[in-house]
Structure formats: structure tokens, C-alpha cells
């Protein structure tokens, strides 16, 4: 019997993952059964179970693939400029721009369902946290720290907290676009860039830092 190639195995795995994502987006995670995924993929149960033992296993594999894609995107942007804020601009344009693509709407619904499932399932939480949070939190924190070292951003700003604020802007827009696809992404991005290039900024050489006591609200 001829040996099945690695390319064939990977193509079959991807076929199952795409079928599962379509089912989850259309029916919800809990309403979807492994039998539904088999039908969507047009494969026998034996063929599907050869690759994945459960829906949670499918989600974990999907999250691992997402992690690799996110990491590759971050590395690609970082290689294109030594200016950390330019790299941040590129990541914002890429990721937020994706929300305007026609296929994004199904993925938004899927993401929101997986957020809810992650609160119930430790396996899903672990996979989802790494793919959709930790990789970007670490990358954004690193970019902000480089910007601080170069005098572009207030050195007293907590870089991890600032990274979490930027991440929350992504998660917030995902929710808004899922509920209202007409939300203007370009305007949202303009405000976001104004925030980290303005509110986070040192204001330039010789100008007071935003955290300076002269700039605080009176107590």
C-alpha cells in the first residue's frame, strides 16, 4: 500500500479544521457534533477521528495554527522597520484591516463563541490564550518598551498595561463588528493610532511627559 504523503495528511487536517469552523460559526460550539463536522468535511467518522479525538482537540489545533500565523505576521512586520511605532502601525493596519474583508464576519462569530467556551474548558482556555492573547501581549509590550528606550513613549508608562489596553481595543472592535458590520474600521484605527502616538507619547524632546504632575487632573 503506497505511503500517504505529509502534504496529503496536512491537507486533510486543514479540510477538517475548515469544516469544523464553518459548523461552529453556523450552529455554535455546543450545538455542533462530531457527526456534523464529518458531514461538512464529507469524510467518514473514522477519517476525522484519525486526526482529532474531540471538538476541543479541533479547537486546540486551530489555535496552534492561528498562533503560528500571528507570530509570522509579527516577525514580518518587525523585520520591515527599526522604528517600533512604525511596526505597531503596520500590525494595526494588517489586523484591523482584516476585519473589513467579507470572510471576517464568520470568524468574528466563531471567536466570540470560543471566548465563551474558553471560560468553561481549561483546554480551550489554554490554547485560545496563547493564540489570541499572549503572543500579541508579549509582542506589543516589547514594541512599547523599545519605543520608551528610543524616547518616543513616556518612560513612566507601564508597558504591559498599555499593551493590554491596545489588545482590548481589538477585542472590543471584534464584538462591535460582530453586532454591527457597518462600524467604520478606518475611523476606529485613526483614533487608536492617535491614542498611542499621542496619549502614550513623551510629547517630543523638552516637552513634559503626560504623567508629569503638571498634566494631571487636580486632586
N, C-alpha and C. Protein backbone atom coordinates (compact mmCIF):
# COMPACT_ATOMS: atom_id res chain seq x y z
N UNK A 1 0.85 -1.20 0.00
CA UNK A 1 0.00 0.00 0.00
C UNK A 1 0.89 1.24 0.00
N UNK A 2 0.66 2.19 -0.93
CA UNK A 2 1.53 3.37 -1.01
C UNK A 2 1.42 4.23 0.24
N UNK A 3 2.55 4.82 0.63
CA UNK A 3 2.58 5.69 1.80
C UNK A 3 1.89 7.01 1.49
N UNK A 4 1.07 7.46 2.45
CA UNK A 4 0.38 8.74 2.29
C UNK A 4 1.37 9.87 2.57
N UNK A 5 1.43 10.85 1.69
CA UNK A 5 2.40 11.94 1.84
C UNK A 5 2.02 12.87 2.98
N UNK A 6 3.03 13.57 3.50
CA UNK A 6 2.78 14.57 4.55
C UNK A 6 1.86 15.67 4.03
N UNK A 7 2.02 16.03 2.77
CA UNK A 7 1.18 17.08 2.18
C UNK A 7 -0.29 16.65 2.18
N UNK A 8 -0.53 15.38 1.87
CA UNK A 8 -1.90 14.87 1.87
C UNK A 8 -2.48 14.89 3.28
N UNK A 9 -1.69 14.47 4.26
CA UNK A 9 -2.16 14.46 5.64
C UNK A 9 -2.49 15.88 6.12
N UNK A 10 -1.62 16.83 5.77
CA UNK A 10 -1.85 18.21 6.20
C UNK A 10 -3.09 18.79 5.51
N UNK A 11 -3.27 18.46 4.24
CA UNK A 11 -4.45 18.94 3.51
C UNK A 11 -5.73 18.39 4.13
N UNK A 12 -5.69 17.13 4.55
CA UNK A 12 -6.86 16.52 5.18
C UNK A 12 -7.15 17.17 6.54
N UNK A 13 -6.11 17.43 7.30
CA UNK A 13 -6.28 18.12 8.59
C UNK A 13 -6.92 19.49 8.38
N UNK A 14 -6.42 20.21 7.38
CA UNK A 14 -6.96 21.54 7.11
C UNK A 14 -8.40 21.46 6.66
N UNK A 15 -8.74 20.44 5.89
CA UNK A 15 -10.12 20.24 5.44
C UNK A 15 -11.05 20.06 6.63
N UNK A 16 -10.62 19.30 7.61
CA UNK A 16 -11.43 19.06 8.81
C UNK A 16 -11.54 20.33 9.64
N UNK A 17 -10.44 21.05 9.79
CA UNK A 17 -10.46 22.30 10.57
C UNK A 17 -11.42 23.31 9.94
N UNK A 18 -11.37 23.45 8.64
CA UNK A 18 -12.25 24.41 7.96
C UNK A 18 -13.72 23.99 8.08
N UNK A 19 -13.97 22.69 8.01
CA UNK A 19 -15.34 22.19 8.17
C UNK A 19 -15.84 22.47 9.58
N UNK A 20 -14.99 22.24 10.57
CA UNK A 20 -15.38 22.49 11.96
C UNK A 20 -15.66 23.96 12.20
N UNK A 21 -14.81 24.83 11.67
CA UNK A 21 -15.01 26.27 11.85
C UNK A 21 -16.33 26.71 11.22
N UNK A 22 -16.65 26.16 10.06
CA UNK A 22 -17.92 26.50 9.40
C UNK A 22 -19.10 26.07 10.26
N UNK A 23 -19.01 24.88 10.84
CA UNK A 23 -20.09 24.38 11.70
C UNK A 23 -20.22 25.21 12.97
N UNK A 24 -19.09 25.49 13.61
CA UNK A 24 -19.11 26.27 14.85
C UNK A 24 -19.71 27.65 14.61
N UNK A 25 -19.32 28.28 13.50
CA UNK A 25 -19.81 29.62 13.19
C UNK A 25 -21.31 29.61 12.91
N UNK A 26 -21.77 28.57 12.23
CA UNK A 26 -23.17 28.49 11.81
C UNK A 26 -24.09 28.01 12.93
N UNK A 27 -23.65 27.02 13.70
CA UNK A 27 -24.52 26.36 14.66
C UNK A 27 -24.16 26.63 16.12
N UNK A 28 -22.96 27.14 16.35
CA UNK A 28 -22.49 27.28 17.72
C UNK A 28 -21.69 26.05 18.13
N UNK A 29 -20.82 26.24 19.11
CA UNK A 29 -19.93 25.16 19.52
C UNK A 29 -20.71 23.98 20.10
N UNK A 30 -21.63 24.27 21.02
CA UNK A 30 -22.31 23.18 21.72
C UNK A 30 -23.32 22.46 20.83
N UNK A 31 -23.91 23.16 19.89
CA UNK A 31 -24.89 22.53 19.01
C UNK A 31 -24.22 21.67 17.93
N UNK A 32 -22.95 21.92 17.69
CA UNK A 32 -22.23 21.16 16.67
C UNK A 32 -21.76 19.83 17.24
N UNK A 33 -21.98 18.76 16.50
CA UNK A 33 -21.50 17.44 16.90
C UNK A 33 -20.35 17.02 15.98
N UNK A 34 -19.63 16.01 16.39
CA UNK A 34 -18.57 15.48 15.53
C UNK A 34 -19.17 14.94 14.23
N UNK A 35 -20.40 14.42 14.31
CA UNK A 35 -21.08 13.95 13.10
C UNK A 35 -21.34 15.10 12.12
N UNK A 36 -21.69 16.27 12.67
CA UNK A 36 -21.89 17.45 11.82
C UNK A 36 -20.60 17.80 11.08
N UNK A 37 -19.49 17.73 11.80
CA UNK A 37 -18.20 18.06 11.21
C UNK A 37 -17.84 17.06 10.12
N UNK A 38 -18.13 15.79 10.36
CA UNK A 38 -17.87 14.76 9.35
C UNK A 38 -18.66 15.04 8.07
N UNK A 39 -19.93 15.40 8.24
CA UNK A 39 -20.76 15.69 7.06
C UNK A 39 -20.25 16.92 6.32
N UNK A 40 -19.89 17.95 7.08
CA UNK A 40 -19.41 19.18 6.45
C UNK A 40 -18.11 18.93 5.68
N UNK A 41 -17.25 18.10 6.25
CA UNK A 41 -15.97 17.78 5.61
C UNK A 41 -16.11 16.72 4.52
N UNK A 42 -17.28 16.08 4.47
CA UNK A 42 -17.53 14.98 3.53
C UNK A 42 -16.52 13.85 3.73
N UNK A 43 -16.34 13.51 5.02
CA UNK A 43 -15.43 12.43 5.40
C UNK A 43 -16.15 11.49 6.36
N UNK A 44 -15.67 10.28 6.43
CA UNK A 44 -16.24 9.31 7.36
C UNK A 44 -15.79 9.64 8.79
N UNK A 45 -16.56 9.21 9.80
CA UNK A 45 -16.13 9.44 11.19
C UNK A 45 -14.73 8.89 11.45
N UNK A 46 -14.42 7.73 10.89
CA UNK A 46 -13.10 7.15 11.10
C UNK A 46 -11.99 8.05 10.58
N UNK A 47 -12.23 8.68 9.44
CA UNK A 47 -11.23 9.57 8.85
C UNK A 47 -11.01 10.80 9.73
N UNK A 48 -12.11 11.35 10.27
CA UNK A 48 -11.99 12.53 11.12
C UNK A 48 -11.32 12.19 12.45
N UNK A 49 -11.75 11.07 13.06
CA UNK A 49 -11.18 10.69 14.36
C UNK A 49 -9.72 10.25 14.24
N UNK A 50 -9.28 9.98 13.05
CA UNK A 50 -7.85 9.67 12.87
C UNK A 50 -7.00 10.88 13.21
N UNK A 51 -7.56 12.07 13.00
CA UNK A 51 -6.81 13.31 13.22
C UNK A 51 -7.17 14.00 14.53
N UNK A 52 -8.45 13.93 14.91
CA UNK A 52 -8.91 14.67 16.09
C UNK A 52 -9.84 13.79 16.92
N UNK A 53 -9.62 13.81 18.23
CA UNK A 53 -10.42 12.96 19.11
C UNK A 53 -11.68 13.63 19.62
N UNK A 54 -11.76 14.97 19.50
CA UNK A 54 -12.91 15.70 20.05
C UNK A 54 -12.98 17.09 19.45
N UNK A 55 -14.06 17.79 19.74
CA UNK A 55 -14.19 19.18 19.30
C UNK A 55 -13.12 20.05 19.96
N UNK A 56 -12.84 19.78 21.24
CA UNK A 56 -11.80 20.55 21.94
C UNK A 56 -10.44 20.36 21.29
N UNK A 57 -10.19 19.14 20.82
CA UNK A 57 -8.93 18.85 20.13
C UNK A 57 -8.84 19.64 18.82
N UNK A 58 -9.96 19.77 18.14
CA UNK A 58 -10.00 20.55 16.90
C UNK A 58 -9.71 22.02 17.18
N UNK A 59 -10.32 22.55 18.24
CA UNK A 59 -10.10 23.95 18.60
C UNK A 59 -8.63 24.18 18.95
N UNK A 60 -8.05 23.25 19.71
CA UNK A 60 -6.64 23.39 20.09
C UNK A 60 -5.75 23.43 18.86
N UNK A 61 -6.04 22.58 17.88
CA UNK A 61 -5.25 22.56 16.64
C UNK A 61 -5.43 23.85 15.86
N UNK A 62 -6.66 24.35 15.83
CA UNK A 62 -6.94 25.60 15.12
C UNK A 62 -6.20 26.76 15.79
N UNK A 63 -6.16 26.76 17.12
CA UNK A 63 -5.47 27.82 17.85
C UNK A 63 -3.97 27.76 17.62
N UNK A 64 -3.42 26.54 17.55
CA UNK A 64 -1.98 26.41 17.28
C UNK A 64 -1.64 26.98 15.90
N UNK A 65 -2.49 26.70 14.93
CA UNK A 65 -2.27 27.24 13.59
C UNK A 65 -2.36 28.76 13.60
N UNK A 66 -3.33 29.28 14.36
CA UNK A 66 -3.50 30.73 14.48
C UNK A 66 -2.28 31.36 15.14
N UNK A 67 -1.73 30.69 16.15
CA UNK A 67 -0.53 31.18 16.83
C UNK A 67 0.63 31.34 15.85
N UNK A 68 0.81 30.33 15.01
CA UNK A 68 1.90 30.36 14.04
C UNK A 68 1.71 31.50 13.05
N UNK A 69 0.48 31.70 12.60
CA UNK A 69 0.19 32.79 11.66
C UNK A 69 0.43 34.15 12.31
N UNK A 70 -0.03 34.31 13.55
CA UNK A 70 0.16 35.58 14.25
C UNK A 70 1.63 35.88 14.47
N UNK A 71 2.38 34.86 14.88
CA UNK A 71 3.81 35.05 15.13
C UNK A 71 4.54 35.42 13.84
N UNK A 72 4.18 34.76 12.74
CA UNK A 72 4.81 35.07 11.45
C UNK A 72 4.50 36.50 11.03
N UNK A 73 3.27 36.95 11.27
CA UNK A 73 2.88 38.31 10.90
C UNK A 73 3.65 39.34 11.73
N UNK A 74 3.80 39.07 13.02
CA UNK A 74 4.53 39.98 13.90
C UNK A 74 6.00 40.05 13.48
N UNK A 75 6.61 38.90 13.22
CA UNK A 75 8.01 38.86 12.82
C UNK A 75 8.24 39.57 11.49
N UNK A 76 7.31 39.38 10.56
CA UNK A 76 7.43 40.03 9.26
C UNK A 76 7.38 41.55 9.39
N UNK A 77 6.47 42.05 10.22
CA UNK A 77 6.37 43.50 10.43
C UNK A 77 7.63 44.03 11.11
N UNK A 78 8.15 43.29 12.09
CA UNK A 78 9.33 43.73 12.84
C UNK A 78 10.56 43.82 11.95
N UNK A 79 10.61 42.99 10.91
CA UNK A 79 11.76 42.99 10.00
C UNK A 79 11.75 44.15 9.02
N UNK A 80 10.62 44.85 8.93
CA UNK A 80 10.49 45.90 7.92
C UNK A 80 10.86 47.29 8.42
N UNK A 81 11.04 47.44 9.73
CA UNK A 81 11.39 48.76 10.25
C UNK A 81 12.06 48.64 11.61
N UNK A 82 13.00 49.56 11.88
CA UNK A 82 13.63 49.64 13.20
C UNK A 82 12.84 50.54 14.14
N UNK A 83 11.84 51.22 13.60
CA UNK A 83 11.02 52.12 14.41
C UNK A 83 9.86 51.33 15.01
N UNK A 84 9.81 51.16 16.33
CA UNK A 84 8.76 50.33 16.93
C UNK A 84 7.35 50.84 16.69
N UNK A 85 7.18 52.16 16.59
CA UNK A 85 5.84 52.68 16.34
C UNK A 85 5.40 52.45 14.89
N UNK A 86 6.35 52.42 13.97
CA UNK A 86 6.03 52.08 12.58
C UNK A 86 5.60 50.62 12.50
N UNK A 87 6.31 49.75 13.23
CA UNK A 87 5.94 48.33 13.28
C UNK A 87 4.54 48.19 13.87
N UNK A 88 4.26 48.93 14.92
CA UNK A 88 2.93 48.89 15.54
C UNK A 88 1.87 49.36 14.55
N UNK A 89 2.16 50.42 13.80
CA UNK A 89 1.23 50.89 12.77
C UNK A 89 0.93 49.78 11.76
N UNK A 90 1.97 49.06 11.34
CA UNK A 90 1.79 48.00 10.35
C UNK A 90 0.90 46.88 10.89
N UNK A 91 1.13 46.50 12.14
CA UNK A 91 0.32 45.44 12.74
C UNK A 91 -1.14 45.87 12.88
N UNK A 92 -1.34 47.12 13.29
CA UNK A 92 -2.70 47.64 13.42
C UNK A 92 -3.40 47.64 12.06
N UNK A 93 -2.69 48.11 11.03
CA UNK A 93 -3.29 48.16 9.68
C UNK A 93 -3.64 46.76 9.18
N UNK A 94 -2.74 45.81 9.41
CA UNK A 94 -2.97 44.44 8.94
C UNK A 94 -4.14 43.79 9.67
N UNK A 95 -4.10 43.83 11.00
CA UNK A 95 -5.09 43.10 11.78
C UNK A 95 -6.46 43.75 11.74
N UNK A 96 -6.50 45.05 11.91
CA UNK A 96 -7.80 45.73 11.89
C UNK A 96 -8.35 45.79 10.47
N UNK A 97 -7.45 45.91 9.49
CA UNK A 97 -7.90 45.92 8.10
C UNK A 97 -8.57 44.61 7.72
N UNK A 98 -8.12 43.51 8.31
CA UNK A 98 -8.72 42.20 8.02
C UNK A 98 -10.20 42.18 8.37
N UNK A 99 -10.59 42.96 9.37
CA UNK A 99 -11.99 42.97 9.80
C UNK A 99 -12.94 43.45 8.70
N UNK A 100 -12.41 44.16 7.72
CA UNK A 100 -13.26 44.68 6.65
C UNK A 100 -13.44 43.69 5.50
N UNK A 101 -12.74 42.56 5.56
CA UNK A 101 -12.88 41.56 4.50
C UNK A 101 -14.19 40.80 4.66
N UNK A 102 -14.82 40.40 3.56
CA UNK A 102 -16.13 39.72 3.63
C UNK A 102 -16.11 38.46 4.48
N UNK A 103 -15.00 37.70 4.43
CA UNK A 103 -14.95 36.44 5.18
C UNK A 103 -14.75 36.63 6.68
N UNK A 104 -14.47 37.87 7.09
CA UNK A 104 -14.17 38.10 8.51
C UNK A 104 -15.39 37.90 9.40
N UNK A 105 -16.58 38.17 8.90
CA UNK A 105 -17.76 38.15 9.75
C UNK A 105 -18.00 36.78 10.38
N UNK A 106 -17.82 35.71 9.61
CA UNK A 106 -17.99 34.37 10.17
C UNK A 106 -16.95 34.10 11.25
N UNK A 107 -15.73 34.56 11.03
CA UNK A 107 -14.68 34.35 12.02
C UNK A 107 -14.95 35.13 13.30
N UNK A 108 -15.56 36.30 13.18
CA UNK A 108 -15.88 37.08 14.38
C UNK A 108 -16.86 36.32 15.26
N UNK A 109 -17.90 35.77 14.65
CA UNK A 109 -18.87 34.99 15.41
C UNK A 109 -18.21 33.79 16.07
N UNK A 110 -17.31 33.15 15.33
CA UNK A 110 -16.61 31.99 15.86
C UNK A 110 -15.74 32.39 17.05
N UNK A 111 -15.01 33.49 16.92
CA UNK A 111 -14.15 33.95 18.02
C UNK A 111 -14.94 34.20 19.29
N UNK A 112 -16.06 34.87 19.16
CA UNK A 112 -16.86 35.20 20.34
C UNK A 112 -17.38 33.93 21.02
N UNK A 113 -17.79 32.96 20.23
CA UNK A 113 -18.23 31.69 20.81
C UNK A 113 -17.09 30.98 21.53
N UNK A 114 -15.89 31.06 20.96
CA UNK A 114 -14.75 30.41 21.59
C UNK A 114 -14.32 31.13 22.86
N UNK A 115 -14.50 32.45 22.91
CA UNK A 115 -14.22 33.17 24.15
C UNK A 115 -15.09 32.60 25.27
N UNK A 116 -16.37 32.41 24.97
CA UNK A 116 -17.28 31.88 25.98
C UNK A 116 -16.90 30.45 26.36
N UNK A 117 -16.55 29.64 25.37
CA UNK A 117 -16.18 28.25 25.64
C UNK A 117 -14.90 28.17 26.46
N UNK A 118 -13.99 29.12 26.25
CA UNK A 118 -12.73 29.13 26.99
C UNK A 118 -12.96 29.30 28.49
N UNK A 119 -14.04 29.99 28.87
CA UNK A 119 -14.34 30.18 30.29
C UNK A 119 -14.81 28.87 30.93
N UNK A 120 -15.25 27.93 30.11
CA UNK A 120 -15.75 26.65 30.62
C UNK A 120 -14.71 25.55 30.54
N UNK A 121 -13.89 25.59 29.49
CA UNK A 121 -12.97 24.49 29.22
C UNK A 121 -11.52 24.93 29.41
N UNK A 122 -10.79 24.36 30.38
CA UNK A 122 -9.38 24.70 30.56
C UNK A 122 -8.54 24.43 29.32
N UNK A 123 -8.87 23.36 28.58
CA UNK A 123 -8.11 23.03 27.37
C UNK A 123 -8.27 24.13 26.32
N UNK A 124 -9.51 24.58 26.13
CA UNK A 124 -9.75 25.65 25.17
C UNK A 124 -9.12 26.96 25.66
N UNK A 125 -9.24 27.23 26.95
CA UNK A 125 -8.66 28.45 27.51
C UNK A 125 -7.16 28.51 27.26
N UNK A 126 -6.47 27.41 27.52
CA UNK A 126 -5.02 27.38 27.36
C UNK A 126 -4.63 27.64 25.90
N UNK A 127 -5.31 26.97 24.98
CA UNK A 127 -5.00 27.14 23.55
C UNK A 127 -5.35 28.53 23.07
N UNK A 128 -6.52 29.01 23.48
CA UNK A 128 -7.02 30.29 23.00
C UNK A 128 -6.20 31.45 23.56
N UNK A 129 -5.81 31.35 24.84
CA UNK A 129 -5.00 32.39 25.46
C UNK A 129 -3.70 32.59 24.70
N UNK A 130 -3.03 31.48 24.37
CA UNK A 130 -1.74 31.57 23.70
C UNK A 130 -1.89 32.14 22.30
N UNK A 131 -2.91 31.69 21.57
CA UNK A 131 -3.06 32.09 20.17
C UNK A 131 -3.56 33.52 20.03
N UNK A 132 -4.46 33.94 20.91
CA UNK A 132 -5.15 35.20 20.72
C UNK A 132 -4.80 36.28 21.74
N UNK A 133 -3.97 35.95 22.70
CA UNK A 133 -3.66 36.96 23.71
C UNK A 133 -2.16 37.06 23.99
N UNK A 134 -1.56 35.96 24.44
CA UNK A 134 -0.18 36.03 24.93
C UNK A 134 0.82 36.45 23.86
N UNK A 135 0.69 35.90 22.66
CA UNK A 135 1.64 36.25 21.60
C UNK A 135 1.62 37.75 21.34
N UNK A 136 0.43 38.32 21.25
CA UNK A 136 0.32 39.75 20.98
C UNK A 136 0.67 40.59 22.20
N UNK A 137 0.31 40.13 23.40
CA UNK A 137 0.65 40.90 24.60
C UNK A 137 2.17 41.04 24.72
N UNK A 138 2.88 39.94 24.53
CA UNK A 138 4.34 39.97 24.63
C UNK A 138 4.94 40.85 23.53
N UNK A 139 4.43 40.71 22.30
CA UNK A 139 4.95 41.49 21.19
C UNK A 139 4.70 42.99 21.38
N UNK A 140 3.49 43.34 21.79
CA UNK A 140 3.15 44.75 21.99
C UNK A 140 3.95 45.35 23.14
N UNK A 141 4.10 44.59 24.22
CA UNK A 141 4.90 45.07 25.35
C UNK A 141 6.33 45.35 24.90
N UNK A 142 6.89 44.44 24.10
CA UNK A 142 8.24 44.63 23.59
C UNK A 142 8.37 45.87 22.71
N UNK A 143 7.40 46.09 21.84
CA UNK A 143 7.43 47.27 20.97
C UNK A 143 7.34 48.55 21.80
N UNK A 144 6.47 48.56 22.79
CA UNK A 144 6.31 49.75 23.62
C UNK A 144 7.58 50.02 24.44
N UNK A 145 8.22 48.97 24.92
CA UNK A 145 9.45 49.15 25.68
C UNK A 145 10.57 49.69 24.79
N UNK A 146 10.62 49.23 23.54
CA UNK A 146 11.60 49.78 22.59
C UNK A 146 11.31 51.25 22.31
N UNK A 147 10.03 51.58 22.18
CA UNK A 147 9.66 52.98 21.95
C UNK A 147 10.03 53.85 23.15
N UNK A 148 9.90 53.30 24.34
CA UNK A 148 10.31 54.03 25.54
C UNK A 148 11.82 54.25 25.54
N UNK A 149 12.57 53.22 25.17
CA UNK A 149 14.03 53.33 25.14
C UNK A 149 14.50 54.35 24.12
N UNK A 150 13.72 54.53 23.05
CA UNK A 150 14.07 55.49 22.00
C UNK A 150 13.49 56.88 22.25
N UNK A 151 12.82 57.05 23.39
CA UNK A 151 12.28 58.36 23.74
C UNK A 151 10.99 58.73 23.03
N UNK A 152 10.31 57.74 22.44
CA UNK A 152 9.07 58.02 21.70
C UNK A 152 7.84 57.96 22.60
N UNK A 153 7.95 57.20 23.68
CA UNK A 153 6.81 56.98 24.57
C UNK A 153 7.24 57.27 26.01
N UNK A 154 6.34 57.79 26.77
CA UNK A 154 6.58 58.13 28.17
C UNK A 154 7.25 56.96 28.90
N UNK A 155 8.45 57.16 29.45
CA UNK A 155 9.16 56.07 30.12
C UNK A 155 8.48 55.61 31.41
N UNK A 156 7.58 56.42 31.96
CA UNK A 156 6.90 56.04 33.20
C UNK A 156 5.63 55.22 32.93
N UNK A 157 5.28 55.10 31.66
CA UNK A 157 4.09 54.32 31.30
C UNK A 157 4.34 52.84 31.55
N UNK A 158 3.39 52.16 32.16
CA UNK A 158 3.52 50.71 32.35
C UNK A 158 3.30 50.02 31.01
N UNK A 159 4.36 49.44 30.45
CA UNK A 159 4.28 48.90 29.09
C UNK A 159 3.32 47.72 28.98
N UNK A 160 3.27 46.89 30.02
CA UNK A 160 2.36 45.74 29.98
C UNK A 160 0.91 46.21 30.03
N UNK A 161 0.62 47.17 30.89
CA UNK A 161 -0.74 47.70 30.98
C UNK A 161 -1.14 48.38 29.68
N UNK A 162 -0.21 49.12 29.08
CA UNK A 162 -0.50 49.79 27.80
C UNK A 162 -0.76 48.76 26.71
N UNK A 163 0.01 47.67 26.71
CA UNK A 163 -0.20 46.60 25.72
C UNK A 163 -1.59 45.99 25.88
N UNK A 164 -2.02 45.82 27.12
CA UNK A 164 -3.35 45.26 27.38
C UNK A 164 -4.46 46.21 26.92
N UNK A 165 -4.21 47.51 27.06
CA UNK A 165 -5.19 48.49 26.56
C UNK A 165 -5.32 48.37 25.04
N UNK A 166 -4.18 48.25 24.35
CA UNK A 166 -4.22 48.10 22.89
C UNK A 166 -4.93 46.81 22.50
N UNK A 167 -4.67 45.73 23.23
CA UNK A 167 -5.35 44.47 22.94
C UNK A 167 -6.85 44.58 23.16
N UNK A 168 -7.23 45.31 24.21
CA UNK A 168 -8.66 45.45 24.49
C UNK A 168 -9.37 46.22 23.38
N UNK A 169 -8.64 47.09 22.69
CA UNK A 169 -9.25 47.82 21.57
C UNK A 169 -9.58 46.86 20.43
N UNK A 170 -8.73 45.84 20.25
CA UNK A 170 -9.00 44.81 19.23
C UNK A 170 -10.21 43.98 19.63
N UNK A 171 -10.21 43.47 20.86
CA UNK A 171 -11.32 42.63 21.30
C UNK A 171 -12.64 43.40 21.29
N UNK A 172 -12.57 44.68 21.66
CA UNK A 172 -13.78 45.49 21.64
C UNK A 172 -14.34 45.68 20.25
N UNK A 173 -13.45 45.90 19.28
CA UNK A 173 -13.93 46.10 17.91
C UNK A 173 -14.45 44.80 17.31
N UNK A 174 -13.85 43.67 17.70
CA UNK A 174 -14.37 42.37 17.25
C UNK A 174 -15.83 42.23 17.67
N UNK A 175 -16.13 42.55 18.92
CA UNK A 175 -17.51 42.48 19.41
C UNK A 175 -18.42 43.44 18.65
N UNK A 176 -17.95 44.68 18.48
CA UNK A 176 -18.78 45.68 17.81
C UNK A 176 -19.07 45.29 16.36
N UNK A 177 -18.05 44.79 15.65
CA UNK A 177 -18.26 44.41 14.25
C UNK A 177 -19.16 43.17 14.14
N UNK A 178 -19.09 42.28 15.13
CA UNK A 178 -19.97 41.11 15.10
C UNK A 178 -21.43 41.53 15.23
N UNK A 179 -21.68 42.55 16.05
CA UNK A 179 -23.05 43.03 16.23
C UNK A 179 -23.47 44.00 15.13
N UNK A 180 -22.50 44.78 14.64
CA UNK A 180 -22.80 45.81 13.64
C UNK A 180 -21.69 45.86 12.60
N UNK A 181 -21.84 45.14 11.49
CA UNK A 181 -20.80 45.10 10.45
C UNK A 181 -20.54 46.45 9.79
N UNK A 182 -21.38 47.44 10.07
CA UNK A 182 -21.20 48.76 9.45
C UNK A 182 -20.27 49.67 10.24
N UNK A 183 -19.78 49.21 11.39
CA UNK A 183 -18.84 50.03 12.16
C UNK A 183 -17.64 50.37 11.28
N UNK A 184 -17.27 51.65 11.25
CA UNK A 184 -16.20 52.13 10.38
C UNK A 184 -14.83 51.80 10.99
N UNK A 185 -14.17 50.80 10.43
CA UNK A 185 -12.89 50.35 10.97
C UNK A 185 -11.81 51.42 10.78
N UNK A 186 -11.82 52.11 9.65
CA UNK A 186 -10.77 53.09 9.37
C UNK A 186 -10.79 54.23 10.39
N UNK A 187 -11.98 54.68 10.78
CA UNK A 187 -12.07 55.74 11.78
C UNK A 187 -11.60 55.23 13.14
N UNK A 188 -11.95 54.01 13.44
CA UNK A 188 -11.53 53.38 14.70
C UNK A 188 -10.01 53.32 14.77
N UNK A 189 -9.38 52.91 13.66
CA UNK A 189 -7.93 52.79 13.59
C UNK A 189 -7.27 54.16 13.75
N UNK A 190 -7.85 55.18 13.15
CA UNK A 190 -7.30 56.54 13.27
C UNK A 190 -7.27 57.00 14.72
N UNK A 191 -8.35 56.72 15.44
CA UNK A 191 -8.41 57.10 16.86
C UNK A 191 -7.41 56.29 17.67
N UNK A 192 -7.29 55.00 17.37
CA UNK A 192 -6.35 54.15 18.09
C UNK A 192 -4.92 54.64 17.91
N UNK A 193 -4.54 54.98 16.67
CA UNK A 193 -3.19 55.47 16.42
C UNK A 193 -2.96 56.82 17.10
N UNK A 194 -3.99 57.66 17.11
CA UNK A 194 -3.87 58.94 17.80
C UNK A 194 -3.62 58.73 19.29
N UNK A 195 -4.19 57.66 19.83
CA UNK A 195 -4.02 57.37 21.25
C UNK A 195 -2.58 56.99 21.56
N UNK A 196 -2.03 55.98 20.84
CA UNK A 196 -0.69 55.55 21.22
C UNK A 196 0.40 56.46 20.69
N UNK A 197 0.10 57.27 19.68
CA UNK A 197 1.09 58.23 19.21
C UNK A 197 0.93 59.59 19.90
N UNK A 198 -0.18 59.74 20.64
CA UNK A 198 -0.42 61.00 21.34
C UNK A 198 -0.40 60.83 22.84
N UNK A 199 -1.40 60.13 23.37
CA UNK A 199 -1.53 59.99 24.82
C UNK A 199 -0.36 59.23 25.44
N UNK A 200 0.20 58.25 24.70
CA UNK A 200 1.33 57.49 25.23
C UNK A 200 2.65 58.24 25.07
N UNK A 201 2.64 59.27 24.24
CA UNK A 201 3.88 59.91 23.81
C UNK A 201 4.50 60.78 24.89
N UNK A 202 5.82 60.98 24.75
CA UNK A 202 6.52 61.92 25.63
C UNK A 202 6.27 63.35 25.22
N UNK A 203 5.70 63.53 24.01
CA UNK A 203 5.46 64.88 23.50
C UNK A 203 6.66 65.47 22.80
N UNK A 204 7.73 64.69 22.69
CA UNK A 204 8.93 65.18 22.00
C UNK A 204 9.95 65.74 22.97
N UNK A 205 11.16 65.99 22.51
CA UNK A 205 12.23 66.48 23.38
C UNK A 205 11.86 67.80 24.05
N UNK A 206 12.10 67.86 25.35
CA UNK A 206 11.89 69.10 26.08
C UNK A 206 10.47 69.36 26.50
N UNK A 207 9.53 68.50 26.08
CA UNK A 207 8.13 68.70 26.45
C UNK A 207 7.79 67.81 27.64
N UNK A 208 6.86 68.25 28.48
CA UNK A 208 6.55 67.48 29.68
C UNK A 208 5.90 66.15 29.34
N UNK A 209 6.20 65.14 30.14
CA UNK A 209 5.59 63.82 29.98
C UNK A 209 4.13 63.88 30.37
N UNK A 210 3.25 63.08 29.72
CA UNK A 210 1.85 63.05 30.10
C UNK A 210 1.63 62.64 31.55
N UNK A 211 2.60 61.94 32.15
CA UNK A 211 2.44 61.53 33.54
C UNK A 211 2.99 62.56 34.51
N UNK A 212 3.58 63.64 33.97
CA UNK A 212 4.11 64.70 34.82
C UNK A 212 2.98 65.31 35.63
N UNK A 213 3.27 65.70 36.86
CA UNK A 213 2.22 66.21 37.75
C UNK A 213 1.54 67.44 37.19
N UNK A 214 2.23 68.21 36.34
CA UNK A 214 1.61 69.40 35.77
C UNK A 214 0.48 69.05 34.82
N UNK A 215 0.46 67.79 34.33
CA UNK A 215 -0.55 67.38 33.36
C UNK A 215 -1.68 66.57 33.99
N UNK A 216 -1.62 66.37 35.30
CA UNK A 216 -2.64 65.57 35.95
C UNK A 216 -3.84 66.42 36.33
N UNK A 217 -4.98 65.73 36.48
CA UNK A 217 -6.16 66.42 36.97
C UNK A 217 -5.91 66.88 38.41
N UNK A 218 -6.40 68.03 38.78
CA UNK A 218 -6.21 68.49 40.17
C UNK A 218 -6.91 67.55 41.14
N UNK A 219 -6.29 67.32 42.28
CA UNK A 219 -6.88 66.42 43.28
C UNK A 219 -7.77 67.22 44.23
